[in-house]
Structures are given as structure tokens and as C-alpha cells.
Amino acid sequence: MELNLPPKVTPRAFERLAEINESADQAQALRIAVEGGGCSGFQYEIKLDMPSEDDLVLEQDGQKVVVDSVSLPFLTNAVIDFTEELIGARFVIENPNATSSCGCGTSFSM
């Protein structure tokens, strides 16, 4: 039986968030949310935000990644990473719950 675990954040993702926050006036958390829409039914929203009361907070070295309670079930056992490729550098989500995803990696279905 597979356990329902909260998402994991890679050290590389936390490092990139620290770099972003170094140049900002006020350090913010990286918010990972799941919304309806996109070409596959659901899409990720990744943005800088302040933590809310009902958020799951994943923290390392003072950097925070937050997930709201509505999005959390969609991100069970997911891995939040940062990648640098020819198409650009971005935060990516490896989600074992997604049955299919689009080419851009921001939309998925379950």
C-alpha cells in the first residue's frame, strides 16, 4: 500500500528560491497550487506569495514552499524541482498522480 505523503522539494528548488529572495525586498514563499483548467483538466500555478493559515509549509534553510489545503491531495508524493534547460529555467513538478500531462508540463489530468 502506497502512503499518501506530502510533496517533496529538492535542494535545488530551495536554492533557487533563496536566490530569488536574495534580490527581493521581502522574502516570500513559493506557492504551488492546482487549479481547474489548462489543456489537460488541471494546471499548476507557481508563484511567490505569503503563507496562509491553512497552508502546508515545507521549509529548508529559512526558505518556504507552501501548498494550500485544496491543492494538497493533487500533489501527494509529488516532487517540486528546479530545472535549467534550453527552453529556459523553471520550477517543475513531477507528479505521480497525473495520468497524462501536456507538453509544457504545467497542465495535467488525473
PDB file of N, CA and C in Angstrom:
ATOM      1  N   MET A   1       0.844  -1.190   0.000  1.00  0.00           N
ATOM      2  CA  MET A   1       0.000   0.000   0.000  1.00  0.00           C
ATOM      3  C   MET A   1       0.886   1.250   0.000  1.00  0.00           C
ATOM      4  N   GLU A   2       0.635   2.155  -0.907  1.00  0.00           N
ATOM      5  CA  GLU A   2       1.443   3.368  -1.014  1.00  0.00           C
ATOM      6  C   GLU A   2       0.932   4.426  -0.046  1.00  0.00           C
ATOM      7  N   LEU A   3       1.852   5.023   0.677  1.00  0.00           N
ATOM      8  CA  LEU A   3       1.478   6.064   1.631  1.00  0.00           C
ATOM      9  C   LEU A   3       1.197   7.372   0.921  1.00  0.00           C
ATOM     10  N   ASN A   4       0.249   8.113   1.448  1.00  0.00           N
ATOM     11  CA  ASN A   4      -0.018   9.450   0.928  1.00  0.00           C
ATOM     12  C   ASN A   4       0.903  10.426   1.640  1.00  0.00           C
ATOM     13  N   LEU A   5       1.965  10.798   0.984  1.00  0.00           N
ATOM     14  CA  LEU A   5       2.959  11.687   1.569  1.00  0.00           C
ATOM     15  C   LEU A   5       2.853  13.070   0.963  1.00  0.00           C
ATOM     16  N   PRO A   6       3.191  14.097   1.738  1.00  0.00           N
ATOM     17  CA  PRO A   6       3.185  15.448   1.172  1.00  0.00           C
ATOM     18  C   PRO A   6       4.253  15.565   0.097  1.00  0.00           C
ATOM     19  N   PRO A   7       4.140  16.572  -0.752  1.00  0.00           N
ATOM     20  CA  PRO A   7       5.155  16.732  -1.790  1.00  0.00           C
ATOM     21  C   PRO A   7       6.529  16.979  -1.175  1.00  0.00           C
ATOM     22  N   LYS A   8       7.558  16.621  -1.936  1.00  0.00           N
ATOM     23  CA  LYS A   8       8.937  16.880  -1.521  1.00  0.00           C
ATOM     24  C   LYS A   8       9.483  18.016  -2.374  1.00  0.00           C
ATOM     25  N   VAL A   9      10.379  18.794  -1.795  1.00  0.00           N
ATOM     26  CA  VAL A   9      11.030  19.878  -2.527  1.00  0.00           C
ATOM     27  C   VAL A   9      12.509  19.541  -2.586  1.00  0.00           C
ATOM     28  N   THR A  10      13.088  19.575  -3.779  1.00  0.00           N
ATOM     29  CA  THR A  10      14.505  19.239  -3.920  1.00  0.00           C
ATOM     30  C   THR A  10      15.380  20.372  -3.380  1.00  0.00           C
ATOM     31  N   PRO A  11      16.601  20.037  -2.959  1.00  0.00           N
ATOM     32  CA  PRO A  11      17.539  21.088  -2.532  1.00  0.00           C
ATOM     33  C   PRO A  11      17.750  22.146  -3.616  1.00  0.00           C
ATOM     34  N   ARG A  12      17.769  21.722  -4.885  1.00  0.00           N
ATOM     35  CA  ARG A  12      17.974  22.664  -5.997  1.00  0.00           C
ATOM     36  C   ARG A  12      16.841  23.688  -6.071  1.00  0.00           C
ATOM     37  N   ALA A  13      15.602  23.250  -5.807  1.00  0.00           N
ATOM     38  CA  ALA A  13      14.465  24.171  -5.818  1.00  0.00           C
ATOM     39  C   ALA A  13      14.574  25.170  -4.669  1.00  0.00           C
ATOM     40  N   PHE A  14      14.959  24.690  -3.480  1.00  0.00           N
ATOM     41  CA  PHE A  14      15.135  25.596  -2.342  1.00  0.00           C
ATOM     42  C   PHE A  14      16.264  26.597  -2.614  1.00  0.00           C
ATOM     43  N   GLU A  15      17.352  26.130  -3.252  1.00  0.00           N
ATOM     44  CA  GLU A  15      18.478  27.027  -3.571  1.00  0.00           C
ATOM     45  C   GLU A  15      18.042  28.135  -4.519  1.00  0.00           C
ATOM     46  N   ARG A  16      17.266  27.782  -5.532  1.00  0.00           N
ATOM     47  CA  ARG A  16      16.801  28.791  -6.495  1.00  0.00           C
ATOM     48  C   ARG A  16      15.867  29.784  -5.820  1.00  0.00           C
ATOM     49  N   LEU A  17      14.997  29.294  -4.933  1.00  0.00           N
ATOM     50  CA  LEU A  17      14.107  30.187  -4.197  1.00  0.00           C
ATOM     51  C   LEU A  17      14.924  31.156  -3.341  1.00  0.00           C
ATOM     52  N   ALA A  18      15.996  30.668  -2.724  1.00  0.00           N
ATOM     53  CA  ALA A  18      16.866  31.533  -1.921  1.00  0.00           C
ATOM     54  C   ALA A  18      17.490  32.618  -2.790  1.00  0.00           C
ATOM     55  N   GLU A  19      17.907  32.257  -4.010  1.00  0.00           N
ATOM     56  CA  GLU A  19      18.478  33.245  -4.937  1.00  0.00           C
ATOM     57  C   GLU A  19      17.449  34.306  -5.301  1.00  0.00           C
ATOM     58  N   ILE A  20      16.221  33.877  -5.554  1.00  0.00           N
ATOM     59  CA  ILE A  20      15.151  34.823  -5.892  1.00  0.00           C
ATOM     60  C   ILE A  20      14.907  35.764  -4.716  1.00  0.00           C
ATOM     61  N   ASN A  21      14.841  35.218  -3.511  1.00  0.00           N
ATOM     62  CA  ASN A  21      14.547  36.027  -2.334  1.00  0.00           C
ATOM     63  C   ASN A  21      15.689  36.960  -1.953  1.00  0.00           C
ATOM     64  N   GLU A  22      16.931  36.611  -2.325  1.00  0.00           N
ATOM     65  CA  GLU A  22      18.066  37.486  -2.040  1.00  0.00           C
ATOM     66  C   GLU A  22      17.907  38.840  -2.716  1.00  0.00           C
ATOM     67  N   SER A  23      17.346  38.825  -3.914  1.00  0.00           N
ATOM     68  CA  SER A  23      17.215  40.067  -4.672  1.00  0.00           C
ATOM     69  C   SER A  23      15.881  40.775  -4.426  1.00  0.00           C
ATOM     70  N   ALA A  24      15.038  40.195  -3.583  1.00  0.00           N
ATOM     71  CA  ALA A  24      13.725  40.793  -3.305  1.00  0.00           C
ATOM     72  C   ALA A  24      13.791  41.642  -2.038  1.00  0.00           C
ATOM     73  N   ASP A  25      12.874  42.606  -1.940  1.00  0.00           N
ATOM     74  CA  ASP A  25      12.788  43.444  -0.746  1.00  0.00           C
ATOM     75  C   ASP A  25      12.341  42.627   0.458  1.00  0.00           C
ATOM     76  N   GLN A  26      11.405  41.719   0.223  1.00  0.00           N
ATOM     77  CA  GLN A  26      10.849  40.909   1.300  1.00  0.00           C
ATOM     78  C   GLN A  26      10.818  39.457   0.838  1.00  0.00           C
ATOM     79  N   ALA A  27      11.381  38.554   1.648  1.00  0.00           N
ATOM     80  CA  ALA A  27      11.380  37.135   1.292  1.00  0.00           C
ATOM     81  C   ALA A  27       9.953  36.607   1.260  1.00  0.00           C
ATOM     82  N   GLN A  28       9.661  35.825   0.234  1.00  0.00           N
ATOM     83  CA  GLN A  28       8.337  35.242   0.105  1.00  0.00           C
ATOM     84  C   GLN A  28       8.460  33.738  -0.059  1.00  0.00           C
ATOM     85  N   ALA A  29       7.351  33.074   0.112  1.00  0.00           N
ATOM     86  CA  ALA A  29       7.294  31.631  -0.094  1.00  0.00           C
ATOM     87  C   ALA A  29       6.962  31.353  -1.559  1.00  0.00           C
ATOM     88  N   LEU A  30       7.336  30.164  -2.014  1.00  0.00           N
ATOM     89  CA  LEU A  30       6.954  29.703  -3.341  1.00  0.00           C
ATOM     90  C   LEU A  30       5.647  28.932  -3.181  1.00  0.00           C
ATOM     91  N   ARG A  31       4.583  29.443  -3.788  1.00  0.00           N
ATOM     92  CA  ARG A  31       3.275  28.789  -3.676  1.00  0.00           C
ATOM     93  C   ARG A  31       3.071  27.858  -4.863  1.00  0.00           C
ATOM     94  N   ILE A  32       2.710  26.607  -4.548  1.00  0.00           N
ATOM     95  CA  ILE A  32       2.357  25.629  -5.565  1.00  0.00           C
ATOM     96  C   ILE A  32       0.871  25.341  -5.396  1.00  0.00           C
ATOM     97  N   ALA A  33       0.084  25.627  -6.412  1.00  0.00           N
ATOM     98  CA  ALA A  33      -1.357  25.412  -6.336  1.00  0.00           C
ATOM     99  C   ALA A  33      -1.819  24.628  -7.560  1.00  0.00           C
ATOM    100  N   VAL A  34      -2.926  23.948  -7.405  1.00  0.00           N
ATOM    101  CA  VAL A  34      -3.551  23.221  -8.511  1.00  0.00           C
ATOM    102  C   VAL A  34      -4.903  23.867  -8.761  1.00  0.00           C
ATOM    103  N   GLU A  35      -5.154  24.203 -10.020  1.00  0.00           N
ATOM    104  CA  GLU A  35      -6.421  24.832 -10.392  1.00  0.00           C
ATOM    105  C   GLU A  35      -7.043  24.062 -11.542  1.00  0.00           C
ATOM    106  N   GLY A  36      -8.356  24.184 -11.683  1.00  0.00           N
ATOM    107  CA  GLY A  36      -9.019  23.620 -12.848  1.00  0.00           C
ATOM    108  C   GLY A  36      -8.643  24.423 -14.079  1.00  0.00           C
ATOM    109  N   GLY A  37      -8.539  23.755 -15.214  1.00  0.00           N
ATOM    110  CA  GLY A  37      -8.226  24.458 -16.455  1.00  0.00           C
ATOM    111  C   GLY A  37      -7.029  23.836 -17.150  1.00  0.00           C
ATOM    112  N   GLY A  38      -6.455  24.566 -18.076  1.00  0.00           N
ATOM    113  CA  GLY A  38      -5.330  24.031 -18.836  1.00  0.00           C
ATOM    114  C   GLY A  38      -5.821  23.064 -19.888  1.00  0.00           C
ATOM    115  N   CYS A  39      -4.906  22.568 -20.702  1.00  0.00           N
ATOM    116  CA  CYS A  39      -5.311  21.699 -21.813  1.00  0.00           C
ATOM    117  C   CYS A  39      -5.580  20.271 -21.367  1.00  0.00           C
ATOM    118  N   SER A  40      -5.269  19.913 -20.106  1.00  0.00           N
ATOM    119  CA  SER A  40      -5.488  18.538 -19.649  1.00  0.00           C
ATOM    120  C   SER A  40      -6.443  18.423 -18.459  1.00  0.00           C
ATOM    121  N   GLY A  41      -7.093  19.505 -18.056  1.00  0.00           N
ATOM    122  CA  GLY A  41      -8.068  19.427 -16.976  1.00  0.00           C
ATOM    123  C   GLY A  41      -7.657  20.154 -15.711  1.00  0.00           C
ATOM    124  N   PHE A  42      -6.388  20.033 -15.331  1.00  0.00           N
ATOM    125  CA  PHE A  42      -5.855  20.753 -14.176  1.00  0.00           C
ATOM    126  C   PHE A  42      -4.583  21.458 -14.612  1.00  0.00           C
ATOM    127  N   GLN A  43      -4.248  22.527 -13.912  1.00  0.00           N
ATOM    128  CA  GLN A  43      -2.977  23.187 -14.204  1.00  0.00           C
ATOM    129  C   GLN A  43      -2.328  23.644 -12.905  1.00  0.00           C
ATOM    130  N   TYR A  44      -1.005  23.723 -12.942  1.00  0.00           N
ATOM    131  CA  TYR A  44      -0.264  24.201 -11.783  1.00  0.00           C
ATOM    132  C   TYR A  44      -0.162  25.714 -11.834  1.00  0.00           C
ATOM    133  N   GLU A  45      -0.259  26.321 -10.681  1.00  0.00           N
ATOM    134  CA  GLU A  45       0.058  27.735 -10.552  1.00  0.00           C
ATOM    135  C   GLU A  45       1.237  27.816  -9.596  1.00  0.00           C
ATOM    136  N   ILE A  46       2.315  28.414 -10.055  1.00  0.00           N
ATOM    137  CA  ILE A  46       3.527  28.549  -9.254  1.00  0.00           C
ATOM    138  C   ILE A  46       3.848  30.031  -9.178  1.00  0.00           C
ATOM    139  N   LYS A  47       3.848  30.560  -7.955  1.00  0.00           N
ATOM    140  CA  LYS A  47       4.088  31.995  -7.804  1.00  0.00           C
ATOM    141  C   LYS A  47       4.679  32.282  -6.427  1.00  0.00           C
ATOM    142  N   LEU A  48       5.200  33.481  -6.272  1.00  0.00           N
ATOM    143  CA  LEU A  48       5.675  33.926  -4.971  1.00  0.00           C
ATOM    144  C   LEU A  48       4.496  34.482  -4.197  1.00  0.00           C
ATOM    145  N   ASP A  49       4.425  34.147  -2.911  1.00  0.00           N
ATOM    146  CA  ASP A  49       3.266  34.527  -2.116  1.00  0.00           C
ATOM    147  C   ASP A  49       3.645  34.458  -0.640  1.00  0.00           C
ATOM    148  N   MET A  50       2.786  34.969   0.197  1.00  0.00           N
ATOM    149  CA  MET A  50       2.980  34.849   1.640  1.00  0.00           C
ATOM    150  C   MET A  50       2.178  33.636   2.126  1.00  0.00           C
ATOM    151  N   PRO A  51       2.700  32.886   3.096  1.00  0.00           N
ATOM    152  CA  PRO A  51       1.970  31.716   3.607  1.00  0.00           C
ATOM    153  C   PRO A  51       0.632  32.117   4.233  1.00  0.00           C
ATOM    154  N   SER A  52      -0.360  31.261   4.084  1.00  0.00           N
ATOM    155  CA  SER A  52      -1.671  31.450   4.705  1.00  0.00           C
ATOM    156  C   SER A  52      -1.831  30.433   5.831  1.00  0.00           C
ATOM    157  N   GLU A  53      -2.883  30.622   6.616  1.00  0.00           N
ATOM    158  CA  GLU A  53      -3.094  29.764   7.787  1.00  0.00           C
ATOM    159  C   GLU A  53      -3.269  28.296   7.445  1.00  0.00           C
ATOM    160  N   ASP A  54      -3.985  28.008   6.352  1.00  0.00           N
ATOM    161  CA  ASP A  54      -4.281  26.596   6.047  1.00  0.00           C
ATOM    162  C   ASP A  54      -3.241  25.953   5.129  1.00  0.00           C
ATOM    163  N   ASP A  55      -2.119  26.594   4.928  1.00  0.00           N
ATOM    164  CA  ASP A  55      -1.081  26.052   4.045  1.00  0.00           C
ATOM    165  C   ASP A  55      -0.242  24.982   4.720  1.00  0.00           C
ATOM    166  N   LEU A  56       0.169  24.001   3.936  1.00  0.00           N
ATOM    167  CA  LEU A  56       1.250  23.117   4.335  1.00  0.00           C
ATOM    168  C   LEU A  56       2.528  23.874   4.002  1.00  0.00           C
ATOM    169  N   VAL A  57       3.431  24.001   4.970  1.00  0.00           N
ATOM    170  CA  VAL A  57       4.683  24.729   4.746  1.00  0.00           C
ATOM    171  C   VAL A  57       5.836  23.731   4.737  1.00  0.00           C
ATOM    172  N   LEU A  58       6.553  23.683   3.627  1.00  0.00           N
ATOM    173  CA  LEU A  58       7.756  22.863   3.503  1.00  0.00           C
ATOM    174  C   LEU A  58       8.928  23.834   3.595  1.00  0.00           C
ATOM    175  N   GLU A  59       9.810  23.637   4.558  1.00  0.00           N
ATOM    176  CA  GLU A  59      10.835  24.642   4.824  1.00  0.00           C
ATOM    177  C   GLU A  59      12.220  24.024   4.894  1.00  0.00           C
ATOM    178  N   GLN A  60      13.195  24.749   4.353  1.00  0.00           N
ATOM    179  CA  GLN A  60      14.603  24.359   4.444  1.00  0.00           C
ATOM    180  C   GLN A  60      15.448  25.618   4.401  1.00  0.00           C
ATOM    181  N   ASP A  61      16.373  25.750   5.337  1.00  0.00           N
ATOM    182  CA  ASP A  61      17.281  26.902   5.405  1.00  0.00           C
ATOM    183  C   ASP A  61      16.541  28.235   5.338  1.00  0.00           C
ATOM    184  N   GLY A  62      15.371  28.308   5.974  1.00  0.00           N
ATOM    185  CA  GLY A  62      14.618  29.553   6.012  1.00  0.00           C
ATOM    186  C   GLY A  62      13.774  29.819   4.781  1.00  0.00           C
ATOM    187  N   GLN A  63      13.883  28.972   3.761  1.00  0.00           N
ATOM    188  CA  GLN A  63      13.078  29.135   2.548  1.00  0.00           C
ATOM    189  C   GLN A  63      11.825  28.281   2.680  1.00  0.00           C
ATOM    190  N   LYS A  64      10.691  28.814   2.206  1.00  0.00           N
ATOM    191  CA  LYS A  64       9.416  28.113   2.369  1.00  0.00           C
ATOM    192  C   LYS A  64       8.736  27.868   1.028  1.00  0.00           C
ATOM    193  N   VAL A  65       8.233  26.650   0.883  1.00  0.00           N
ATOM    194  CA  VAL A  65       7.352  26.296  -0.226  1.00  0.00           C
ATOM    195  C   VAL A  65       6.019  25.951   0.421  1.00  0.00           C
ATOM    196  N   VAL A  66       4.930  26.560  -0.068  1.00  0.00           N
ATOM    197  CA  VAL A  66       3.624  26.360   0.550  1.00  0.00           C
ATOM    198  C   VAL A  66       2.629  25.765  -0.443  1.00  0.00           C
ATOM    199  N   VAL A  67       1.736  24.928   0.105  1.00  0.00           N
ATOM    200  CA  VAL A  67       0.679  24.302  -0.685  1.00  0.00           C
ATOM    201  C   VAL A  67      -0.617  24.466   0.099  1.00  0.00           C
ATOM    202  N   ASP A  68      -1.661  24.981  -0.545  1.00  0.00           N
ATOM    203  CA  ASP A  68      -2.935  25.160   0.151  1.00  0.00           C
ATOM    204  C   ASP A  68      -3.636  23.818   0.332  1.00  0.00           C
ATOM    205  N   SER A  69      -4.571  23.776   1.272  1.00  0.00           N
ATOM    206  CA  SER A  69      -5.228  22.512   1.639  1.00  0.00           C
ATOM    207  C   SER A  69      -6.046  21.917   0.491  1.00  0.00           C
ATOM    208  N   VAL A  70      -6.563  22.742  -0.417  1.00  0.00           N
ATOM    209  CA  VAL A  70      -7.347  22.237  -1.546  1.00  0.00           C
ATOM    210  C   VAL A  70      -6.435  21.556  -2.573  1.00  0.00           C
ATOM    211  N   SER A  71      -5.245  22.118  -2.788  1.00  0.00           N
ATOM    212  CA  SER A  71      -4.308  21.576  -3.778  1.00  0.00           C
ATOM    213  C   SER A  71      -3.558  20.347  -3.270  1.00  0.00           C
ATOM    214  N   LEU A  72      -3.419  20.235  -1.962  1.00  0.00           N
ATOM    215  CA  LEU A  72      -2.581  19.195  -1.373  1.00  0.00           C
ATOM    216  C   LEU A  72      -2.900  17.773  -1.851  1.00  0.00           C
ATOM    217  N   PRO A  73      -4.179  17.354  -1.912  1.00  0.00           N
ATOM    218  CA  PRO A  73      -4.453  15.979  -2.363  1.00  0.00           C
ATOM    219  C   PRO A  73      -3.958  15.695  -3.784  1.00  0.00           C
ATOM    220  N   PHE A  74      -3.920  16.715  -4.637  1.00  0.00           N
ATOM    221  CA  PHE A  74      -3.462  16.541  -6.014  1.00  0.00           C
ATOM    222  C   PHE A  74      -1.939  16.403  -6.089  1.00  0.00           C
ATOM    223  N   LEU A  75      -1.245  16.769  -5.012  1.00  0.00           N
ATOM    224  CA  LEU A  75       0.213  16.788  -5.018  1.00  0.00           C
ATOM    225  C   LEU A  75       0.825  15.724  -4.107  1.00  0.00           C
ATOM    226  N   THR A  76       0.025  14.725  -3.728  1.00  0.00           N
ATOM    227  CA  THR A  76       0.527  13.629  -2.902  1.00  0.00           C
ATOM    228  C   THR A  76       1.716  12.959  -3.592  1.00  0.00           C
ATOM    229  N   ASN A  77       2.812  12.809  -2.874  1.00  0.00           N
ATOM    230  CA  ASN A  77       4.031  12.143  -3.365  1.00  0.00           C
ATOM    231  C   ASN A  77       4.694  12.854  -4.549  1.00  0.00           C
ATOM    232  N   ALA A  78       4.318  14.074  -4.834  1.00  0.00           N
ATOM    233  CA  ALA A  78       4.935  14.816  -5.944  1.00  0.00           C
ATOM    234  C   ALA A  78       6.305  15.344  -5.526  1.00  0.00           C
ATOM    235  N   VAL A  79       7.122  15.680  -6.524  1.00  0.00           N
ATOM    236  CA  VAL A  79       8.442  16.270  -6.276  1.00  0.00           C
ATOM    237  C   VAL A  79       8.503  17.620  -6.981  1.00  0.00           C
ATOM    238  N   ILE A  80       8.834  18.649  -6.214  1.00  0.00           N
ATOM    239  CA  ILE A  80       8.964  20.004  -6.757  1.00  0.00           C
ATOM    240  C   ILE A  80      10.451  20.253  -6.962  1.00  0.00           C
ATOM    241  N   ASP A  81      10.840  20.556  -8.188  1.00  0.00           N
ATOM    242  CA  ASP A  81      12.247  20.690  -8.540  1.00  0.00           C
ATOM    243  C   ASP A  81      12.451  21.971  -9.339  1.00  0.00           C
ATOM    244  N   PHE A  82      13.703  22.297  -9.580  1.00  0.00           N
ATOM    245  CA  PHE A  82      14.043  23.428 -10.444  1.00  0.00           C
ATOM    246  C   PHE A  82      14.952  22.891 -11.525  1.00  0.00           C
ATOM    247  N   THR A  83      14.655  23.233 -12.764  1.00  0.00           N
ATOM    248  CA  THR A  83      15.448  22.716 -13.874  1.00  0.00           C
ATOM    249  C   THR A  83      15.885  23.850 -14.789  1.00  0.00           C
ATOM    250  N   GLU A  84      17.062  23.679 -15.354  1.00  0.00           N
ATOM    251  CA  GLU A  84      17.566  24.637 -16.343  1.00  0.00           C
ATOM    252  C   GLU A  84      17.790  23.871 -17.639  1.00  0.00           C
ATOM    253  N   GLU A  85      17.014  24.231 -18.651  1.00  0.00           N
ATOM    254  CA  GLU A  85      17.092  23.558 -19.943  1.00  0.00           C
ATOM    255  C   GLU A  85      17.234  24.607 -21.039  1.00  0.00           C
ATOM    256  N   LEU A  86      17.375  24.154 -22.261  1.00  0.00           N
ATOM    257  CA  LEU A  86      17.479  25.079 -23.385  1.00  0.00           C
ATOM    258  C   LEU A  86      16.254  25.978 -23.499  1.00  0.00           C
ATOM    259  N   ILE A  87      15.078  25.438 -23.149  1.00  0.00           N
ATOM    260  CA  ILE A  87      13.852  26.235 -23.259  1.00  0.00           C
ATOM    261  C   ILE A  87      13.706  27.219 -22.114  1.00  0.00           C
ATOM    262  N   GLY A  88      14.586  27.131 -21.125  1.00  0.00           N
ATOM    263  CA  GLY A  88      14.531  28.082 -20.018  1.00  0.00           C
ATOM    264  C   GLY A  88      14.617  27.390 -18.675  1.00  0.00           C
ATOM    265  N   ALA A  89      14.819  28.193 -17.666  1.00  0.00           N
ATOM    266  CA  ALA A  89      14.886  27.685 -16.298  1.00  0.00           C
ATOM    267  C   ALA A  89      13.517  27.858 -15.655  1.00  0.00           C
ATOM    268  N   ARG A  90      13.081  26.847 -14.914  1.00  0.00           N
ATOM    269  CA  ARG A  90      11.753  26.928 -14.315  1.00  0.00           C
ATOM    270  C   ARG A  90      11.610  25.913 -13.198  1.00  0.00           C
ATOM    271  N   PHE A  91      10.627  26.151 -12.336  1.00  0.00           N
ATOM    272  CA  PHE A  91      10.256  25.166 -11.341  1.00  0.00           C
ATOM    273  C   PHE A  91       9.389  24.126 -12.040  1.00  0.00           C
ATOM    274  N   VAL A  92       9.603  22.864 -11.737  1.00  0.00           N
ATOM    275  CA  VAL A  92       8.827  21.785 -12.354  1.00  0.00           C
ATOM    276  C   VAL A  92       8.258  20.893 -11.258  1.00  0.00           C
ATOM    277  N   ILE A  93       7.177  20.207 -11.575  1.00  0.00           N
ATOM    278  CA  ILE A  93       6.532  19.319 -10.626  1.00  0.00           C
ATOM    279  C   ILE A  93       6.440  17.943 -11.260  1.00  0.00           C
ATOM    280  N   GLU A  94       7.070  16.967 -10.612  1.00  0.00           N
ATOM    281  CA  GLU A  94       6.955  15.575 -11.031  1.00  0.00           C
ATOM    282  C   GLU A  94       5.850  14.977 -10.191  1.00  0.00           C
ATOM    283  N   ASN A  95       4.704  14.711 -10.833  1.00  0.00           N
ATOM    284  CA  ASN A  95       3.515  14.301 -10.097  1.00  0.00           C
ATOM    285  C   ASN A  95       3.111  12.881 -10.475  1.00  0.00           C
ATOM    286  N   PRO A  96       3.287  11.904  -9.555  1.00  0.00           N
ATOM    287  CA  PRO A  96       2.916  10.520  -9.866  1.00  0.00           C
ATOM    288  C   PRO A  96       1.404  10.317  -9.974  1.00  0.00           C
ATOM    289  N   ASN A  97       0.599  11.286  -9.539  1.00  0.00           N
ATOM    290  CA  ASN A  97      -0.858  11.178  -9.612  1.00  0.00           C
ATOM    291  C   ASN A  97      -1.395  11.535 -10.990  1.00  0.00           C
ATOM    292  N   ALA A  98      -0.610  12.243 -11.778  1.00  0.00           N
ATOM    293  CA  ALA A  98      -1.078  12.687 -13.094  1.00  0.00           C
ATOM    294  C   ALA A  98      -1.091  11.514 -14.058  1.00  0.00           C
ATOM    295  N   THR A  99      -2.220  11.292 -14.692  1.00  0.00           N
ATOM    296  CA  THR A  99      -2.320  10.199 -15.655  1.00  0.00           C
ATOM    297  C   THR A  99      -1.836  10.633 -17.031  1.00  0.00           C
ATOM    298  N   SER A 100      -1.906  11.917 -17.288  1.00  0.00           N
ATOM    299  CA  SER A 100      -1.354  12.459 -18.530  1.00  0.00           C
ATOM    300  C   SER A 100      -1.024  13.921 -18.292  1.00  0.00           C
ATOM    301  N   SER A 101      -0.140  14.450 -19.116  1.00  0.00           N
ATOM    302  CA  SER A 101       0.195  15.863 -18.991  1.00  0.00           C
ATOM    303  C   SER A 101       0.439  16.416 -20.386  1.00  0.00           C
ATOM    304  N   CYS A 102       0.451  17.732 -20.461  1.00  0.00           N
ATOM    305  CA  CYS A 102       0.680  18.358 -21.754  1.00  0.00           C
ATOM    306  C   CYS A 102       2.177  18.568 -21.944  1.00  0.00           C
ATOM    307  N   GLY A 103       2.565  18.976 -23.117  1.00  0.00           N
ATOM    308  CA  GLY A 103       3.973  19.160 -23.420  1.00  0.00           C
ATOM    309  C   GLY A 103       4.659  20.223 -22.606  1.00  0.00           C
ATOM    310  N   CYS A 104       3.918  21.240 -22.190  1.00  0.00           N
ATOM    311  CA  CYS A 104       4.537  22.334 -21.451  1.00  0.00           C
ATOM    312  C   CYS A 104       4.784  21.991 -19.985  1.00  0.00           C
ATOM    313  N   GLY A 105       4.145  20.903 -19.507  1.00  0.00           N
ATOM    314  CA  GLY A 105       4.375  20.459 -18.143  1.00  0.00           C
ATOM    315  C   GLY A 105       3.615  21.233 -17.079  1.00  0.00           C
ATOM    316  N   THR A 106       2.752  22.163 -17.490  1.00  0.00           N
ATOM    317  CA  THR A 106       2.002  22.925 -16.496  1.00  0.00           C
ATOM    318  C   THR A 106       0.571  22.444 -16.362  1.00  0.00           C
ATOM    319  N   SER A 107       0.140  21.532 -17.226  1.00  0.00           N
ATOM    320  CA  SER A 107      -1.237  21.054 -17.216  1.00  0.00           C
ATOM    321  C   SER A 107      -1.216  19.535 -17.127  1.00  0.00           C
ATOM    322  N   PHE A 108      -2.210  18.959 -16.418  1.00  0.00           N
ATOM    323  CA  PHE A 108      -2.237  17.515 -16.261  1.00  0.00           C
ATOM    324  C   PHE A 108      -3.659  17.032 -16.017  1.00  0.00           C
ATOM    325  N   SER A 109      -3.877  15.711 -16.094  1.00  0.00           N
ATOM    326  CA  SER A 109      -5.163  15.131 -15.744  1.00  0.00           C
ATOM    327  C   SER A 109      -4.937  13.982 -14.781  1.00  0.00           C
ATOM    328  N   MET A 110      -6.021  13.615 -14.076  1.00  0.00           N
ATOM    329  CA  MET A 110      -5.934  12.540 -13.080  1.00  0.00           C
ATOM    330  C   MET A 110      -7.029  11.521 -13.316  1.00  0.00           C
TER     331      MET A 110
END
